[in-house]
Amino acid sequence: MKVSEIFYSLQGEGFLAGVPSVFVRLAGCPLRCRWCDTKYAWDENAGQDYSIEAIGEAVGQWQSRFVVITGGEPMVKPGLAELARGLKKNGRHITIETAGIAYAADLQCDLMSISPKLSNSAPAESEPAGKHNEGRLDIEVLRKLLGDYEYQLKFVIDSEDDLEEVQETIESLGNVDSEKVMLMPQAANREELSARSPMVADMCKRSGFAFGGRLQVMLWDNERGM
């Protein structure tokens, strides 16, 4: 598998935020979110070849029970099931970070951390925006993921207008546990996080959804590998 990086840090997002975790970032993503903070992992070849065994050995450098498989987009990777199975054999808690655009059955996954992409994610350029918008949201895939896995839903919020789109998406999905829904400020750096957090906090108070912090931004200003 092409691996962009493997590193040890704190989980920055979601309901496990703050938990020391080992991150396995797989290379390759079909989406082109304009605010993506890991654009270096978009390219399928943006990494080194690792066997499943080599990934397991690298993860084993650290004692943390928690492993996050991220990207890129892990769910489009043919070897994902084998990777998750290999890591799970050692008693790890497995989180898979995904945009929810592809489905795989019977994954060894303790938490499917799904971040459906809103229209605010589209790049400015028309050609990549068209391709991005075609694939950024698949309601049927999301329904299957929510039905088959323990999950959390994280929506990236850029403006006040995004809340209506979040609510429409949740309504389209049906049977969503609102206590598993989180709104996160779009933020590439501490300045943006500070500026948008009060707006998102107010949206959470109005909607009842949880506020999602971005620890990696607050602590390390989105420095790579942290």
Protein backbone atom coordinates (compact mmCIF):
# COMPACT_ATOMS: atom_id res chain seq x y z
CA MET A 1 0.00 0.00 0.00
CA LYS A 2 1.09 3.57 -0.64
CA VAL A 3 1.51 5.28 2.71
CA SER A 4 1.98 9.02 2.93
CA GLU A 5 3.06 9.03 6.59
CA ILE A 6 2.83 7.18 9.90
CA PHE A 7 3.09 9.23 13.07
CA TYR A 8 2.10 9.41 16.73
CA SER A 9 0.03 12.32 18.02
CA LEU A 10 -3.24 13.24 19.73
CA GLN A 11 -6.51 12.66 17.93
CA GLY A 12 -7.49 16.19 16.94
CA GLU A 13 -11.14 15.76 15.97
CA GLY A 14 -14.28 13.91 16.92
CA PHE A 15 -15.47 12.39 20.17
CA LEU A 16 -12.03 10.84 20.81
CA ALA A 17 -10.26 14.20 20.55
CA GLY A 18 -7.24 14.32 22.83
CA VAL A 19 -6.62 10.55 22.86
CA PRO A 20 -3.00 9.62 22.00
CA SER A 21 -3.19 7.75 18.69
CA VAL A 22 -1.03 6.38 15.89
CA PHE A 23 -2.01 7.76 12.48
CA VAL A 24 -1.58 5.78 9.26
CA ARG A 25 -2.15 8.15 6.35
CA LEU A 26 -2.78 6.34 3.07
CA ALA A 27 -2.05 8.12 -0.21
CA GLY A 28 -4.69 8.93 -2.79
CA CYS A 29 -8.03 10.73 -2.80
CA PRO A 30 -10.54 11.32 -5.61
CA LEU A 31 -11.91 14.51 -4.02
CA ARG A 32 -10.35 17.98 -4.16
CA CYS A 33 -11.71 19.87 -1.16
CA ARG A 34 -10.58 23.48 -1.39
CA TRP A 35 -9.78 23.68 2.32
CA CYS A 36 -8.13 20.25 2.59
CA ASP A 37 -5.20 20.30 5.03
CA THR A 38 -3.54 17.19 3.58
CA LYS A 39 -3.31 18.02 -0.13
CA TYR A 40 0.09 16.33 -0.15
CA ALA A 41 -1.77 13.01 0.19
CA TRP A 42 -4.07 13.49 -2.82
CA ASP A 43 -1.76 11.80 -5.30
CA GLU A 44 -1.99 7.99 -5.45
CA ASN A 45 1.81 7.89 -5.58
CA ALA A 46 2.43 10.45 -2.86
CA GLY A 47 4.06 8.05 -0.46
CA GLN A 48 6.13 4.92 0.03
CA ASP A 49 5.17 1.31 -0.57
CA TYR A 50 4.49 -0.59 2.65
CA SER A 51 3.41 -4.17 3.15
CA ILE A 52 0.67 -4.77 5.74
CA GLU A 53 3.32 -6.32 7.97
CA ALA A 54 5.57 -3.26 7.63
CA ILE A 55 2.71 -0.95 8.58
CA GLY A 56 2.03 -3.09 11.63
CA GLU A 57 5.68 -2.93 12.66
CA ALA A 58 5.75 0.86 12.23
CA VAL A 59 2.58 1.26 14.30
CA GLY A 60 4.10 -1.00 16.94
CA GLN A 61 6.79 1.59 17.72
CA TRP A 62 4.25 3.26 20.01
CA GLN A 63 2.25 1.78 22.86
CA SER A 64 -1.04 3.52 22.11
CA ARG A 65 -4.00 1.18 21.67
CA PHE A 66 -5.66 3.67 19.31
CA VAL A 67 -4.92 3.66 15.58
CA VAL A 68 -6.43 6.05 13.04
CA ILE A 69 -6.43 5.02 9.37
CA THR A 70 -6.77 8.20 7.39
CA GLY A 71 -5.85 9.71 4.04
CA GLY A 72 -6.33 10.65 1.40
CA GLU A 73 -9.43 8.48 1.32
CA PRO A 74 -8.91 5.06 2.93
CA MET A 75 -12.23 3.59 1.80
CA VAL A 76 -11.16 3.46 -1.84
CA LYS A 77 -8.08 1.36 -1.03
CA PRO A 78 -8.22 -2.36 -2.03
CA GLY A 79 -6.03 -3.43 0.89
CA LEU A 80 -7.97 -1.60 3.60
CA ALA A 81 -9.77 -4.67 4.98
CA GLU A 82 -6.50 -6.59 5.27
CA LEU A 83 -4.78 -3.63 6.93
CA ALA A 84 -7.56 -3.15 9.50
CA ARG A 85 -7.62 -6.89 10.20
CA GLY A 86 -3.86 -6.97 10.73
CA LEU A 87 -3.92 -4.03 13.14
CA LYS A 88 -6.94 -5.39 15.01
CA LYS A 89 -5.13 -8.67 15.72
CA ASN A 90 -2.92 -6.75 18.11
CA GLY A 91 -5.87 -5.45 20.09
CA ARG A 92 -5.94 -1.98 18.59
CA HIS A 93 -8.95 0.32 18.55
CA ILE A 94 -9.40 1.21 14.87
CA THR A 95 -10.84 4.50 13.65
CA ILE A 96 -11.26 4.98 9.90
CA GLU A 97 -11.48 8.58 8.70
CA THR A 98 -13.55 8.89 5.53
CA ALA A 99 -15.63 11.29 3.46
CA GLY A 100 -18.21 8.53 3.16
CA ILE A 101 -17.96 8.23 -0.61
CA ALA A 102 -17.22 4.48 -0.81
CA TYR A 103 -18.47 1.42 1.05
CA ALA A 104 -16.67 -1.71 2.24
CA ALA A 105 -18.32 -4.49 4.23
CA ASP A 106 -17.04 -6.32 7.31
CA LEU A 107 -14.19 -3.97 8.12
CA GLN A 108 -12.49 -4.37 11.50
CA CYS A 109 -13.48 -0.84 12.50
CA ASP A 110 -14.42 0.38 15.97
CA LEU A 111 -15.34 3.89 14.81
CA MET A 112 -16.23 5.04 11.31
CA SER A 113 -15.43 8.75 11.45
CA ILE A 114 -17.38 10.21 8.54
CA SER A 115 -17.01 13.74 7.24
CA PRO A 116 -19.57 14.24 4.45
CA LYS A 117 -18.47 17.04 2.16
CA LEU A 118 -20.79 20.02 1.86
CA SER A 119 -20.91 22.36 -1.13
CA ASN A 120 -18.45 24.62 0.70
CA SER A 121 -15.73 22.07 -0.08
CA ALA A 122 -15.77 22.63 -3.85
CA PRO A 123 -12.59 24.08 -5.36
CA ALA A 124 -12.81 27.46 -7.09
CA GLU A 125 -11.70 26.21 -10.50
CA SER A 126 -14.61 25.00 -12.63
CA GLU A 127 -13.12 21.73 -13.98
CA PRO A 128 -11.97 20.24 -10.66
CA ALA A 129 -15.11 21.64 -9.01
CA GLY A 130 -17.30 19.70 -11.44
CA LYS A 131 -15.53 16.40 -10.80
CA HIS A 132 -15.45 17.05 -7.06
CA ASN A 133 -19.17 17.82 -6.84
CA GLU A 134 -20.05 14.68 -8.78
CA GLY A 135 -18.43 12.49 -6.14
CA ARG A 136 -18.47 14.43 -2.87
CA LEU A 137 -21.79 13.12 -1.48
CA ASP A 138 -23.39 9.68 -1.85
CA ILE A 139 -26.46 9.32 0.36
CA GLU A 140 -26.85 5.58 -0.25
CA VAL A 141 -23.23 4.87 0.68
CA LEU A 142 -23.58 7.01 3.80
CA ARG A 143 -26.74 5.13 4.84
CA LYS A 144 -24.94 1.80 4.53
CA LEU A 145 -21.95 3.03 6.56
CA LEU A 146 -24.21 4.40 9.29
CA GLY A 147 -26.19 1.17 9.38
CA ASP A 148 -23.21 -1.19 9.53
CA TYR A 149 -20.66 0.62 11.72
CA GLU A 150 -20.36 2.56 14.94
CA TYR A 151 -20.02 6.10 13.61
CA GLN A 152 -19.65 9.80 14.13
CA LEU A 153 -20.60 12.47 11.57
CA LYS A 154 -18.36 15.54 11.32
CA PHE A 155 -19.40 18.48 9.16
CA VAL A 156 -16.90 21.22 8.30
CA ILE A 157 -18.56 24.63 8.69
CA ASP A 158 -17.37 27.64 6.73
CA SER A 159 -20.34 30.01 7.10
CA GLU A 160 -23.78 30.40 8.71
CA ASP A 161 -25.39 29.14 5.50
CA ASP A 162 -23.87 25.67 5.99
CA LEU A 163 -26.22 24.68 8.83
CA GLU A 164 -29.23 24.38 6.52
CA GLU A 165 -27.24 22.09 4.21
CA VAL A 166 -26.16 19.95 7.18
CA GLN A 167 -29.75 19.58 8.31
CA GLU A 168 -30.92 18.73 4.78
CA THR A 169 -28.21 16.06 4.50
CA ILE A 170 -29.18 14.51 7.82
CA GLU A 171 -32.85 14.55 6.85
CA SER A 172 -32.00 12.81 3.57
CA LEU A 173 -30.08 10.11 5.44
CA GLY A 174 -32.85 9.42 7.94
CA ASN A 175 -32.43 7.62 11.27
CA VAL A 176 -29.31 9.58 12.24
CA ASP A 177 -28.44 9.73 15.94
CA SER A 178 -28.16 13.50 16.45
CA GLU A 179 -25.85 12.91 19.43
CA LYS A 180 -23.26 11.55 16.98
CA VAL A 181 -23.29 14.70 14.83
CA MET A 182 -20.55 17.30 15.20
CA LEU A 183 -19.96 20.72 13.61
CA MET A 184 -16.32 21.76 13.15
CA PRO A 185 -14.95 25.18 12.14
CA GLN A 186 -13.19 25.24 8.78
CA ALA A 187 -9.71 26.31 9.79
CA ALA A 188 -6.31 25.94 8.16
CA ASN A 189 -4.56 27.78 11.00
CA ARG A 190 -5.08 29.08 14.54
CA GLU A 191 -6.26 32.47 13.32
CA GLU A 192 -9.07 30.96 11.27
CA LEU A 193 -9.98 28.56 14.09
CA SER A 194 -10.26 31.43 16.55
CA ALA A 195 -12.30 33.53 14.12
CA ARG A 196 -14.85 30.85 13.18
CA SER A 197 -15.23 28.99 16.49
CA PRO A 198 -17.74 31.42 18.11
CA MET A 199 -19.98 31.25 15.02
CA VAL A 200 -19.92 27.44 15.03
CA ALA A 201 -20.49 27.31 18.80
CA ASP A 202 -23.63 29.42 18.36
CA MET A 203 -24.81 27.12 15.55
CA CYS A 204 -24.34 24.14 17.87
CA LYS A 205 -26.41 25.80 20.59
CA ARG A 206 -29.22 26.44 18.10
CA SER A 207 -29.14 22.99 16.48
CA GLY A 208 -28.23 20.76 19.42
CA PHE A 209 -25.26 19.26 17.57
CA ALA A 210 -21.89 18.92 19.32
CA PHE A 211 -19.06 21.39 18.76
CA GLY A 212 -16.01 19.78 17.19
CA GLY A 213 -12.67 21.27 18.11
CA ARG A 214 -9.58 21.02 15.93
CA LEU A 215 -6.79 20.20 18.41
CA GLN A 216 -4.20 19.72 15.68
CA VAL A 217 -4.81 23.31 14.59
CA MET A 218 -4.98 24.79 18.08
CA LEU A 219 -1.84 23.04 19.33
CA TRP A 220 0.37 22.83 16.26
CA ASP A 221 -1.13 25.22 13.71
CA ASN A 222 -1.68 22.27 11.35
CA GLU A 223 2.01 21.37 11.19
CA ARG A 224 2.44 18.15 9.22
CA GLY A 225 3.01 14.94 11.19
CA MET A 226 1.70 16.35 14.46
